[in-house]
Each structure stands twice: as C-alpha cells, then as structure tokens.
Amino acid sequence: MFTGIVDHVGVIQLFDHDVQGARLIIETQFRNFQLGESIAVNGVCLTVTQFADSQFTVELSQETLSKTNFKNLKIGEKVNLERPLRMGDALGGHFVTGHVDDTINL
C-alpha cells in the first residue's frame, strides 16, 4: 500500500524492451532493497528483481506496458519513486494500491 506521496526521484539507467516486456534499471537514493519488494514507479506498483548499491531493476510485462506510459521512457529520464507503507509510518496523502487500469491520450 502506498500514500501517493513521492519519496524520491530516480533516473532511468537502462530500458531494455523486447516482445515479452521490458526491464528497467533505475538509479536512486534508496538503499537496502530486498528481492521481491514492491516500489511505486510513477505511481505503478512494481517488483524489485535485482539490486546493487544505488540501483534496482524491475521487469515490465506487456500488460504493464500497454496500460501505462512506460513504453515511452528514455534513458536519463526522471521517474517518481515511493516505497510502500510500513507499520508506524506517517499516513499523509491517501492510500494508493499502485495498480493502473488504463491510460488516456490528451
């Protein structure tokens, strides 16, 4: 569960896209990642699949790419980051599940 309040801004280091999906490596100020932990990237709940020092990796399915604007990301672009709520965290903002159903074209 997330509050919707951005904790940090990360920078896309790698965007590897193929027919099965995509892989993002993001540089961040966050530390102490755990495999399988959730992190909201631009408001979308994603799962950490690898990490090292100040970088983490997430995998994007074709479904995620089709329902978000992630397919338009570029290396060097900034993304909003938020770690999930933990017991005892302040409850500013509002509850956000991080699940996106669709995008609209403006």
PDB file of N, CA and C in Angstrom:
ATOM      1  N   MET A   1       0.843  -1.160   0.000  1.00  0.00           N
ATOM      2  CA  MET A   1       0.000   0.000   0.000  1.00  0.00           C
ATOM      3  C   MET A   1       0.900   1.238   0.000  1.00  0.00           C
ATOM      4  N   PHE A   2       0.503   2.234  -0.740  1.00  0.00           N
ATOM      5  CA  PHE A   2       1.283   3.461  -0.874  1.00  0.00           C
ATOM      6  C   PHE A   2       0.431   4.658  -0.475  1.00  0.00           C
ATOM      7  N   THR A   3       1.088   5.780  -0.156  1.00  0.00           N
ATOM      8  CA  THR A   3       0.366   7.015   0.185  1.00  0.00           C
ATOM      9  C   THR A   3       0.157   7.904  -1.038  1.00  0.00           C
ATOM     10  N   GLY A   4       0.912   7.668  -2.097  1.00  0.00           N
ATOM     11  CA  GLY A   4       0.827   8.536  -3.262  1.00  0.00           C
ATOM     12  C   GLY A   4       1.746   9.734  -3.162  1.00  0.00           C
ATOM     13  N   ILE A   5       2.527   9.821  -2.087  1.00  0.00           N
ATOM     14  CA  ILE A   5       3.471  10.924  -1.908  1.00  0.00           C
ATOM     15  C   ILE A   5       4.847  10.453  -2.358  1.00  0.00           C
ATOM     16  N   VAL A   6       5.424  11.159  -3.311  1.00  0.00           N
ATOM     17  CA  VAL A   6       6.715  10.782  -3.893  1.00  0.00           C
ATOM     18  C   VAL A   6       7.824  10.978  -2.854  1.00  0.00           C
ATOM     19  N   ASP A   7       8.613   9.922  -2.615  1.00  0.00           N
ATOM     20  CA  ASP A   7       9.744   9.975  -1.677  1.00  0.00           C
ATOM     21  C   ASP A   7      11.003  10.498  -2.336  1.00  0.00           C
ATOM     22  N   HIS A   8      11.260  10.044  -3.545  1.00  0.00           N
ATOM     23  CA  HIS A   8      12.490  10.367  -4.254  1.00  0.00           C
ATOM     24  C   HIS A   8      12.218  10.412  -5.756  1.00  0.00           C
ATOM     25  N   VAL A   9      13.189  10.921  -6.461  1.00  0.00           N
ATOM     26  CA  VAL A   9      13.170  10.886  -7.922  1.00  0.00           C
ATOM     27  C   VAL A   9      14.340  10.023  -8.362  1.00  0.00           C
ATOM     28  N   GLY A  10      14.066   9.039  -9.209  1.00  0.00           N
ATOM     29  CA  GLY A  10      15.112   8.173  -9.745  1.00  0.00           C
ATOM     30  C   GLY A  10      15.387   8.524 -11.193  1.00  0.00           C
ATOM     31  N   VAL A  11      16.453   7.958 -11.733  1.00  0.00           N
ATOM     32  CA  VAL A  11      16.845   8.201 -13.122  1.00  0.00           C
ATOM     33  C   VAL A  11      16.979   6.864 -13.840  1.00  0.00           C
ATOM     34  N   ILE A  12      16.337   6.750 -15.003  1.00  0.00           N
ATOM     35  CA  ILE A  12      16.411   5.527 -15.807  1.00  0.00           C
ATOM     36  C   ILE A  12      17.836   5.356 -16.325  1.00  0.00           C
ATOM     37  N   GLN A  13      18.451   4.220 -15.979  1.00  0.00           N
ATOM     38  CA  GLN A  13      19.805   3.902 -16.435  1.00  0.00           C
ATOM     39  C   GLN A  13      19.785   2.949 -17.621  1.00  0.00           C
ATOM     40  N   LEU A  14      18.754   2.084 -17.674  1.00  0.00           N
ATOM     41  CA  LEU A  14      18.630   1.117 -18.763  1.00  0.00           C
ATOM     42  C   LEU A  14      17.150   0.882 -19.016  1.00  0.00           C
ATOM     43  N   PHE A  15      16.782   0.826 -20.278  1.00  0.00           N
ATOM     44  CA  PHE A  15      15.420   0.449 -20.681  1.00  0.00           C
ATOM     45  C   PHE A  15      15.581  -0.542 -21.809  1.00  0.00           C
ATOM     46  N   ASP A  16      15.411  -1.812 -21.478  1.00  0.00           N
ATOM     47  CA  ASP A  16      15.606  -2.911 -22.423  1.00  0.00           C
ATOM     48  C   ASP A  16      14.237  -3.487 -22.752  1.00  0.00           C
ATOM     49  N   HIS A  17      13.769  -3.268 -23.979  1.00  0.00           N
ATOM     50  CA  HIS A  17      12.412  -3.637 -24.373  1.00  0.00           C
ATOM     51  C   HIS A  17      12.471  -4.716 -25.444  1.00  0.00           C
ATOM     52  N   ASP A  18      11.630  -5.768 -25.297  1.00  0.00           N
ATOM     53  CA  ASP A  18      11.520  -6.798 -26.331  1.00  0.00           C
ATOM     54  C   ASP A  18      10.059  -7.237 -26.418  1.00  0.00           C
ATOM     55  N   VAL A  19       9.770  -8.278 -27.167  1.00  0.00           N
ATOM     56  CA  VAL A  19       8.384  -8.692 -27.399  1.00  0.00           C
ATOM     57  C   VAL A  19       7.705  -9.229 -26.136  1.00  0.00           C
ATOM     58  N   GLN A  20       8.474  -9.682 -25.157  1.00  0.00           N
ATOM     59  CA  GLN A  20       7.881 -10.225 -23.944  1.00  0.00           C
ATOM     60  C   GLN A  20       7.643  -9.167 -22.876  1.00  0.00           C
ATOM     61  N   GLY A  21       8.306  -8.028 -22.972  1.00  0.00           N
ATOM     62  CA  GLY A  21       8.170  -6.982 -21.971  1.00  0.00           C
ATOM     63  C   GLY A  21       9.380  -6.089 -21.966  1.00  0.00           C
ATOM     64  N   ALA A  22       9.724  -5.600 -20.790  1.00  0.00           N
ATOM     65  CA  ALA A  22      10.860  -4.687 -20.681  1.00  0.00           C
ATOM     66  C   ALA A  22      11.505  -4.830 -19.311  1.00  0.00           C
ATOM     67  N   ARG A  23      12.721  -4.357 -19.241  1.00  0.00           N
ATOM     68  CA  ARG A  23      13.472  -4.323 -17.987  1.00  0.00           C
ATOM     69  C   ARG A  23      13.970  -2.904 -17.798  1.00  0.00           C
ATOM     70  N   LEU A  24      13.770  -2.369 -16.592  1.00  0.00           N
ATOM     71  CA  LEU A  24      14.256  -1.044 -16.243  1.00  0.00           C
ATOM     72  C   LEU A  24      15.282  -1.167 -15.134  1.00  0.00           C
ATOM     73  N   ILE A  25      16.374  -0.433 -15.266  1.00  0.00           N
ATOM     74  CA  ILE A  25      17.296  -0.250 -14.156  1.00  0.00           C
ATOM     75  C   ILE A  25      17.224   1.224 -13.790  1.00  0.00           C
ATOM     76  N   ILE A  26      16.975   1.486 -12.511  1.00  0.00           N
ATOM     77  CA  ILE A  26      16.764   2.849 -12.037  1.00  0.00           C
ATOM     78  C   ILE A  26      17.786   3.179 -10.964  1.00  0.00           C
ATOM     79  N   GLU A  27      18.446   4.316 -11.126  1.00  0.00           N
ATOM     80  CA  GLU A  27      19.379   4.859 -10.130  1.00  0.00           C
ATOM     81  C   GLU A  27      18.565   5.649  -9.120  1.00  0.00           C
ATOM     82  N   THR A  28      18.855   5.459  -7.829  1.00  0.00           N
ATOM     83  CA  THR A  28      18.057   6.104  -6.791  1.00  0.00           C
ATOM     84  C   THR A  28      18.876   6.399  -5.550  1.00  0.00           C
ATOM     85  N   GLN A  29      18.312   7.207  -4.671  1.00  0.00           N
ATOM     86  CA  GLN A  29      18.920   7.453  -3.364  1.00  0.00           C
ATOM     87  C   GLN A  29      18.519   6.373  -2.368  1.00  0.00           C
ATOM     88  N   PHE A  30      17.507   5.561  -2.694  1.00  0.00           N
ATOM     89  CA  PHE A  30      17.074   4.480  -1.815  1.00  0.00           C
ATOM     90  C   PHE A  30      18.198   3.468  -1.657  1.00  0.00           C
ATOM     91  N   ARG A  31      18.258   2.838  -0.505  1.00  0.00           N
ATOM     92  CA  ARG A  31      19.227   1.781  -0.229  1.00  0.00           C
ATOM     93  C   ARG A  31      18.490   0.618   0.432  1.00  0.00           C
ATOM     94  N   ASN A  32      19.224  -0.448   0.699  1.00  0.00           N
ATOM     95  CA  ASN A  32      18.707  -1.591   1.453  1.00  0.00           C
ATOM     96  C   ASN A  32      17.486  -2.237   0.804  1.00  0.00           C
ATOM     97  N   PHE A  33      17.580  -2.515  -0.476  1.00  0.00           N
ATOM     98  CA  PHE A  33      16.495  -3.198  -1.171  1.00  0.00           C
ATOM     99  C   PHE A  33      16.442  -4.662  -0.772  1.00  0.00           C
ATOM    100  N   GLN A  34      15.286  -5.263  -0.994  1.00  0.00           N
ATOM    101  CA  GLN A  34      15.125  -6.701  -0.826  1.00  0.00           C
ATOM    102  C   GLN A  34      14.508  -7.244  -2.102  1.00  0.00           C
ATOM    103  N   LEU A  35      14.941  -8.426  -2.516  1.00  0.00           N
ATOM    104  CA  LEU A  35      14.334  -9.058  -3.685  1.00  0.00           C
ATOM    105  C   LEU A  35      12.843  -9.260  -3.443  1.00  0.00           C
ATOM    106  N   GLY A  36      12.048  -8.909  -4.435  1.00  0.00           N
ATOM    107  CA  GLY A  36      10.616  -9.097  -4.338  1.00  0.00           C
ATOM    108  C   GLY A  36       9.869  -7.959  -3.686  1.00  0.00           C
ATOM    109  N   GLU A  37      10.574  -6.955  -3.183  1.00  0.00           N
ATOM    110  CA  GLU A  37       9.866  -5.843  -2.544  1.00  0.00           C
ATOM    111  C   GLU A  37       9.150  -4.998  -3.590  1.00  0.00           C
ATOM    112  N   SER A  38       8.071  -4.381  -3.170  1.00  0.00           N
ATOM    113  CA  SER A  38       7.304  -3.503  -4.057  1.00  0.00           C
ATOM    114  C   SER A  38       7.852  -2.090  -3.985  1.00  0.00           C
ATOM    115  N   ILE A  39       7.789  -1.403  -5.117  1.00  0.00           N
ATOM    116  CA  ILE A  39       8.148   0.009  -5.178  1.00  0.00           C
ATOM    117  C   ILE A  39       7.258   0.657  -6.238  1.00  0.00           C
ATOM    118  N   ALA A  40       6.743   1.830  -5.926  1.00  0.00           N
ATOM    119  CA  ALA A  40       5.910   2.543  -6.894  1.00  0.00           C
ATOM    120  C   ALA A  40       6.824   3.403  -7.770  1.00  0.00           C
ATOM    121  N   VAL A  41       6.739   3.180  -9.069  1.00  0.00           N
ATOM    122  CA  VAL A  41       7.494   3.960 -10.052  1.00  0.00           C
ATOM    123  C   VAL A  41       6.462   4.708 -10.885  1.00  0.00           C
ATOM    124  N   ASN A  42       6.501   6.022 -10.807  1.00  0.00           N
ATOM    125  CA  ASN A  42       5.476   6.859 -11.458  1.00  0.00           C
ATOM    126  C   ASN A  42       4.069   6.388 -11.081  1.00  0.00           C
ATOM    127  N   GLY A  43       3.907   5.972  -9.833  1.00  0.00           N
ATOM    128  CA  GLY A  43       2.605   5.578  -9.317  1.00  0.00           C
ATOM    129  C   GLY A  43       2.205   4.149  -9.582  1.00  0.00           C
ATOM    130  N   VAL A  44       3.044   3.377 -10.270  1.00  0.00           N
ATOM    131  CA  VAL A  44       2.724   1.991 -10.603  1.00  0.00           C
ATOM    132  C   VAL A  44       3.523   1.058  -9.701  1.00  0.00           C
ATOM    133  N   CYS A  45       2.831   0.129  -9.063  1.00  0.00           N
ATOM    134  CA  CYS A  45       3.479  -0.828  -8.175  1.00  0.00           C
ATOM    135  C   CYS A  45       4.270  -1.843  -9.003  1.00  0.00           C
ATOM    136  N   LEU A  46       5.596  -1.894  -8.780  1.00  0.00           N
ATOM    137  CA  LEU A  46       6.468  -2.829  -9.485  1.00  0.00           C
ATOM    138  C   LEU A  46       7.268  -3.624  -8.469  1.00  0.00           C
ATOM    139  N   THR A  47       7.882  -4.719  -8.905  1.00  0.00           N
ATOM    140  CA  THR A  47       8.611  -5.618  -8.021  1.00  0.00           C
ATOM    141  C   THR A  47      10.099  -5.559  -8.322  1.00  0.00           C
ATOM    142  N   VAL A  48      10.907  -5.379  -7.280  1.00  0.00           N
ATOM    143  CA  VAL A  48      12.360  -5.357  -7.418  1.00  0.00           C
ATOM    144  C   VAL A  48      12.839  -6.770  -7.722  1.00  0.00           C
ATOM    145  N   THR A  49      13.523  -6.940  -8.872  1.00  0.00           N
ATOM    146  CA  THR A  49      14.030  -8.258  -9.270  1.00  0.00           C
ATOM    147  C   THR A  49      15.538  -8.393  -9.077  1.00  0.00           C
ATOM    148  N   GLN A  50      16.237  -7.259  -9.019  1.00  0.00           N
ATOM    149  CA  GLN A  50      17.686  -7.220  -8.748  1.00  0.00           C
ATOM    150  C   GLN A  50      17.993  -5.863  -8.137  1.00  0.00           C
ATOM    151  N   PHE A  51      19.110  -5.794  -7.426  1.00  0.00           N
ATOM    152  CA  PHE A  51      19.539  -4.505  -6.881  1.00  0.00           C
ATOM    153  C   PHE A  51      21.027  -4.546  -6.588  1.00  0.00           C
ATOM    154  N   ALA A  52      21.633  -3.374  -6.574  1.00  0.00           N
ATOM    155  CA  ALA A  52      23.044  -3.219  -6.215  1.00  0.00           C
ATOM    156  C   ALA A  52      23.265  -1.763  -5.850  1.00  0.00           C
ATOM    157  N   ASP A  53      23.803  -1.541  -4.656  1.00  0.00           N
ATOM    158  CA  ASP A  53      24.103  -0.194  -4.173  1.00  0.00           C
ATOM    159  C   ASP A  53      22.921   0.748  -4.381  1.00  0.00           C
ATOM    160  N   SER A  54      23.025   1.665  -5.337  1.00  0.00           N
ATOM    161  CA  SER A  54      22.004   2.692  -5.530  1.00  0.00           C
ATOM    162  C   SER A  54      21.140   2.441  -6.764  1.00  0.00           C
ATOM    163  N   GLN A  55      21.081   1.207  -7.242  1.00  0.00           N
ATOM    164  CA  GLN A  55      20.264   0.876  -8.407  1.00  0.00           C
ATOM    165  C   GLN A  55      19.371  -0.319  -8.106  1.00  0.00           C
ATOM    166  N   PHE A  56      18.212  -0.338  -8.758  1.00  0.00           N
ATOM    167  CA  PHE A  56      17.355  -1.511  -8.676  1.00  0.00           C
ATOM    168  C   PHE A  56      16.780  -1.792 -10.057  1.00  0.00           C
ATOM    169  N   THR A  57      16.387  -3.040 -10.259  1.00  0.00           N
ATOM    170  CA  THR A  57      15.834  -3.496 -11.533  1.00  0.00           C
ATOM    171  C   THR A  57      14.398  -3.946 -11.318  1.00  0.00           C
ATOM    172  N   VAL A  58      13.539  -3.606 -12.283  1.00  0.00           N
ATOM    173  CA  VAL A  58      12.161  -4.083 -12.308  1.00  0.00           C
ATOM    174  C   VAL A  58      11.868  -4.617 -13.698  1.00  0.00           C
ATOM    175  N   GLU A  59      10.969  -5.597 -13.765  1.00  0.00           N
ATOM    176  CA  GLU A  59      10.539  -6.172 -15.037  1.00  0.00           C
ATOM    177  C   GLU A  59       9.132  -5.662 -15.339  1.00  0.00           C
ATOM    178  N   LEU A  60       8.879  -5.339 -16.598  1.00  0.00           N
ATOM    179  CA  LEU A  60       7.573  -4.842 -17.030  1.00  0.00           C
ATOM    180  C   LEU A  60       6.968  -5.830 -18.014  1.00  0.00           C
ATOM    181  N   SER A  61       5.771  -6.297 -17.730  1.00  0.00           N
ATOM    182  CA  SER A  61       5.084  -7.196 -18.655  1.00  0.00           C
ATOM    183  C   SER A  61       4.498  -6.376 -19.810  1.00  0.00           C
ATOM    184  N   GLN A  62       4.076  -7.070 -20.852  1.00  0.00           N
ATOM    185  CA  GLN A  62       3.406  -6.375 -21.957  1.00  0.00           C
ATOM    186  C   GLN A  62       2.130  -5.700 -21.460  1.00  0.00           C
ATOM    187  N   GLU A  63       1.444  -6.326 -20.517  1.00  0.00           N
ATOM    188  CA  GLU A  63       0.233  -5.734 -19.933  1.00  0.00           C
ATOM    189  C   GLU A  63       0.555  -4.398 -19.268  1.00  0.00           C
ATOM    190  N   THR A  64       1.629  -4.357 -18.491  1.00  0.00           N
ATOM    191  CA  THR A  64       2.031  -3.105 -17.848  1.00  0.00           C
ATOM    192  C   THR A  64       2.391  -2.063 -18.898  1.00  0.00           C
ATOM    193  N   LEU A  65       3.116  -2.473 -19.926  1.00  0.00           N
ATOM    194  CA  LEU A  65       3.491  -1.532 -20.988  1.00  0.00           C
ATOM    195  C   LEU A  65       2.266  -1.001 -21.725  1.00  0.00           C
ATOM    196  N   SER A  66       1.248  -1.842 -21.890  1.00  0.00           N
ATOM    197  CA  SER A  66       0.055  -1.410 -22.632  1.00  0.00           C
ATOM    198  C   SER A  66      -0.854  -0.515 -21.793  1.00  0.00           C
ATOM    199  N   LYS A  67      -0.777  -0.615 -20.463  1.00  0.00           N
ATOM    200  CA  LYS A  67      -1.680   0.135 -19.588  1.00  0.00           C
ATOM    201  C   LYS A  67      -1.048   1.384 -18.988  1.00  0.00           C
ATOM    202  N   THR A  68       0.240   1.612 -19.258  1.00  0.00           N
ATOM    203  CA  THR A  68       0.950   2.764 -18.693  1.00  0.00           C
ATOM    204  C   THR A  68       1.687   3.505 -19.805  1.00  0.00           C
ATOM    205  N   ASN A  69       2.373   4.570 -19.411  1.00  0.00           N
ATOM    206  CA  ASN A  69       3.201   5.292 -20.383  1.00  0.00           C
ATOM    207  C   ASN A  69       4.667   4.859 -20.308  1.00  0.00           C
ATOM    208  N   PHE A  70       4.948   3.743 -19.639  1.00  0.00           N
ATOM    209  CA  PHE A  70       6.335   3.276 -19.504  1.00  0.00           C
ATOM    210  C   PHE A  70       7.000   3.011 -20.854  1.00  0.00           C
ATOM    211  N   LYS A  71       6.242   2.625 -21.850  1.00  0.00           N
ATOM    212  CA  LYS A  71       6.844   2.317 -23.158  1.00  0.00           C
ATOM    213  C   LYS A  71       7.517   3.551 -23.768  1.00  0.00           C
ATOM    214  N   ASN A  72       7.197   4.740 -23.264  1.00  0.00           N
ATOM    215  CA  ASN A  72       7.760   5.989 -23.776  1.00  0.00           C
ATOM    216  C   ASN A  72       8.971   6.472 -22.993  1.00  0.00           C
ATOM    217  N   LEU A  73       9.371   5.740 -21.943  1.00  0.00           N
ATOM    218  CA  LEU A  73      10.506   6.169 -21.127  1.00  0.00           C
ATOM    219  C   LEU A  73      11.810   6.130 -21.917  1.00  0.00           C
ATOM    220  N   LYS A  74      12.721   7.004 -21.541  1.00  0.00           N
ATOM    221  CA  LYS A  74      14.033   7.090 -22.188  1.00  0.00           C
ATOM    222  C   LYS A  74      15.125   7.034 -21.118  1.00  0.00           C
ATOM    223  N   ILE A  75      16.283   6.537 -21.490  1.00  0.00           N
ATOM    224  CA  ILE A  75      17.439   6.536 -20.595  1.00  0.00           C
ATOM    225  C   ILE A  75      17.743   7.987 -20.221  1.00  0.00           C
ATOM    226  N   GLY A  76      17.996   8.211 -18.936  1.00  0.00           N
ATOM    227  CA  GLY A  76      18.278   9.548 -18.423  1.00  0.00           C
ATOM    228  C   GLY A  76      17.035  10.275 -17.921  1.00  0.00           C
ATOM    229  N   GLU A  77      15.857   9.739 -18.224  1.00  0.00           N
ATOM    230  CA  GLU A  77      14.607  10.365 -17.786  1.00  0.00           C
ATOM    231  C   GLU A  77      14.393  10.124 -16.292  1.00  0.00           C
ATOM    232  N   LYS A  78      13.791  11.110 -15.631  1.00  0.00           N
ATOM    233  CA  LYS A  78      13.498  11.000 -14.205  1.00  0.00           C
ATOM    234  C   LYS A  78      12.127  10.366 -13.999  1.00  0.00           C
ATOM    235  N   VAL A  79      12.027   9.555 -12.930  1.00  0.00           N
ATOM    236  CA  VAL A  79      10.765   8.918 -12.552  1.00  0.00           C
ATOM    237  C   VAL A  79      10.530   9.142 -11.058  1.00  0.00           C
ATOM    238  N   ASN A  80       9.274   9.229 -10.680  1.00  0.00           N
ATOM    239  CA  ASN A  80       8.897   9.382  -9.277  1.00  0.00           C
ATOM    240  C   ASN A  80       8.926   8.024  -8.594  1.00  0.00           C
ATOM    241  N   LEU A  81       9.452   7.997  -7.365  1.00  0.00           N
ATOM    242  CA  LEU A  81       9.585   6.745  -6.620  1.00  0.00           C
ATOM    243  C   LEU A  81       8.955   6.864  -5.243  1.00  0.00           C
ATOM    244  N   GLU A  82       8.348   5.773  -4.808  1.00  0.00           N
ATOM    245  CA  GLU A  82       7.810   5.698  -3.454  1.00  0.00           C
ATOM    246  C   GLU A  82       7.901   4.264  -2.970  1.00  0.00           C
ATOM    247  N   ARG A  83       8.406   4.108  -1.771  1.00  0.00           N
ATOM    248  CA  ARG A  83       8.399   2.784  -1.135  1.00  0.00           C
ATOM    249  C   ARG A  83       7.074   2.594  -0.415  1.00  0.00           C
ATOM    250  N   PRO A  84       6.637   1.337  -0.224  1.00  0.00           N
ATOM    251  CA  PRO A  84       5.335   1.094   0.421  1.00  0.00           C
ATOM    252  C   PRO A  84       5.339   1.494   1.893  1.00  0.00           C
ATOM    253  N   LEU A  85       4.132   1.675   2.413  1.00  0.00           N
ATOM    254  CA  LEU A  85       3.965   1.975   3.830  1.00  0.00           C
ATOM    255  C   LEU A  85       4.444   0.823   4.689  1.00  0.00           C
ATOM    256  N   ARG A  86       5.010   1.178   5.841  1.00  0.00           N
ATOM    257  CA  ARG A  86       5.369   0.181   6.845  1.00  0.00           C
ATOM    258  C   ARG A  86       4.631   0.534   8.129  1.00  0.00           C
ATOM    259  N   MET A  87       4.442  -0.439   8.979  1.00  0.00           N
ATOM    260  CA  MET A  87       3.799  -0.169  10.265  1.00  0.00           C
ATOM    261  C   MET A  87       4.531   0.964  10.962  1.00  0.00           C
ATOM    262  N   GLY A  88       3.782   1.951  11.427  1.00  0.00           N
ATOM    263  CA  GLY A  88       4.374   3.074  12.151  1.00  0.00           C
ATOM    264  C   GLY A  88       4.676   4.275  11.280  1.00  0.00           C
ATOM    265  N   ASP A  89       4.603   4.142   9.925  1.00  0.00           N
ATOM    266  CA  ASP A  89       4.841   5.285   9.043  1.00  0.00           C
ATOM    267  C   ASP A  89       3.701   6.291   9.159  1.00  0.00           C
ATOM    268  N   ALA A  90       4.022   7.565   8.933  1.00  0.00           N
ATOM    269  CA  ALA A  90       3.001   8.613   8.901  1.00  0.00           C
ATOM    270  C   ALA A  90       2.046   8.346   7.739  1.00  0.00           C
ATOM    271  N   LEU A  91       0.779   8.650   7.933  1.00  0.00           N
ATOM    272  CA  LEU A  91      -0.230   8.380   6.913  1.00  0.00           C
ATOM    273  C   LEU A  91      -0.654   9.663   6.196  1.00  0.00           C
ATOM    274  N   GLY A  92       0.304  10.454   5.729  1.00  0.00           N
ATOM    275  CA  GLY A  92      -0.024  11.615   4.917  1.00  0.00           C
ATOM    276  C   GLY A  92      -0.486  11.157   3.547  1.00  0.00           C
ATOM    277  N   GLY A  93      -1.114  12.036   2.802  1.00  0.00           N
ATOM    278  CA  GLY A  93      -1.552  11.675   1.454  1.00  0.00           C
ATOM    279  C   GLY A  93      -2.813  10.849   1.510  1.00  0.00           C
ATOM    280  N   HIS A  94      -2.850   9.776   0.748  1.00  0.00           N
ATOM    281  CA  HIS A  94      -4.023   8.908   0.675  1.00  0.00           C
ATOM    282  C   HIS A  94      -3.554   7.512   0.291  1.00  0.00           C
ATOM    283  N   PHE A  95      -4.379   6.512   0.536  1.00  0.00           N
ATOM    284  CA  PHE A  95      -3.991   5.155   0.186  1.00  0.00           C
ATOM    285  C   PHE A  95      -4.061   4.958  -1.328  1.00  0.00           C
ATOM    286  N   VAL A  96      -3.013   4.369  -1.878  1.00  0.00           N
ATOM    287  CA  VAL A  96      -2.932   4.084  -3.306  1.00  0.00           C
ATOM    288  C   VAL A  96      -2.476   2.641  -3.451  1.00  0.00           C
ATOM    289  N   THR A  97      -3.178   1.857  -4.245  1.00  0.00           N
ATOM    290  CA  THR A  97      -2.766   0.472  -4.418  1.00  0.00           C
ATOM    291  C   THR A  97      -1.632   0.335  -5.423  1.00  0.00           C
ATOM    292  N   GLY A  98      -1.487   1.314  -6.334  1.00  0.00           N
ATOM    293  CA  GLY A  98      -0.421   1.252  -7.324  1.00  0.00           C
ATOM    294  C   GLY A  98      -0.765   0.423  -8.539  1.00  0.00           C
ATOM    295  N   HIS A  99      -2.025   0.012  -8.661  1.00  0.00           N
ATOM    296  CA  HIS A  99      -2.447  -0.772  -9.814  1.00  0.00           C
ATOM    297  C   HIS A  99      -3.134   0.134 -10.820  1.00  0.00           C
ATOM    298  N   VAL A 100      -2.618   0.159 -12.043  1.00  0.00           N
ATOM    299  CA  VAL A 100      -3.130   1.023 -13.092  1.00  0.00           C
ATOM    300  C   VAL A 100      -3.975   0.198 -14.056  1.00  0.00           C
ATOM    301  N   ASP A 101      -5.143   0.725 -14.398  1.00  0.00           N
ATOM    302  CA  ASP A 101      -6.047   0.015 -15.306  1.00  0.00           C
ATOM    303  C   ASP A 101      -5.922   0.463 -16.750  1.00  0.00           C
ATOM    304  N   ASP A 102      -5.564   1.708 -16.994  1.00  0.00           N
ATOM    305  CA  ASP A 102      -5.514   2.217 -18.373  1.00  0.00           C
ATOM    306  C   ASP A 102      -4.896   3.609 -18.382  1.00  0.00           C
ATOM    307  N   THR A 103      -4.582   4.098 -19.575  1.00  0.00           N
ATOM    308  CA  THR A 103      -4.134   5.476 -19.774  1.00  0.00           C
ATOM    309  C   THR A 103      -5.079   6.137 -20.751  1.00  0.00           C
ATOM    310  N   ILE A 104      -5.022   7.466 -20.784  1.00  0.00           N
ATOM    311  CA  ILE A 104      -5.817   8.211 -21.771  1.00  0.00           C
ATOM    312  C   ILE A 104      -4.883   9.088 -22.582  1.00  0.00           C
ATOM    313  N   ASN A 105      -5.254   9.370 -23.791  1.00  0.00           N
ATOM    314  CA  ASN A 105      -4.488  10.285 -24.627  1.00  0.00           C
ATOM    315  C   ASN A 105      -5.135  11.652 -24.550  1.00  0.00           C
ATOM    316  N   LEU A 106      -4.339  12.640 -24.193  1.00  0.00           N
ATOM    317  CA  LEU A 106      -4.859  14.012 -24.113  1.00  0.00           C
ATOM    318  C   LEU A 106      -4.486  14.789 -25.351  1.00  0.00           C
TER     319      LEU A 106
END
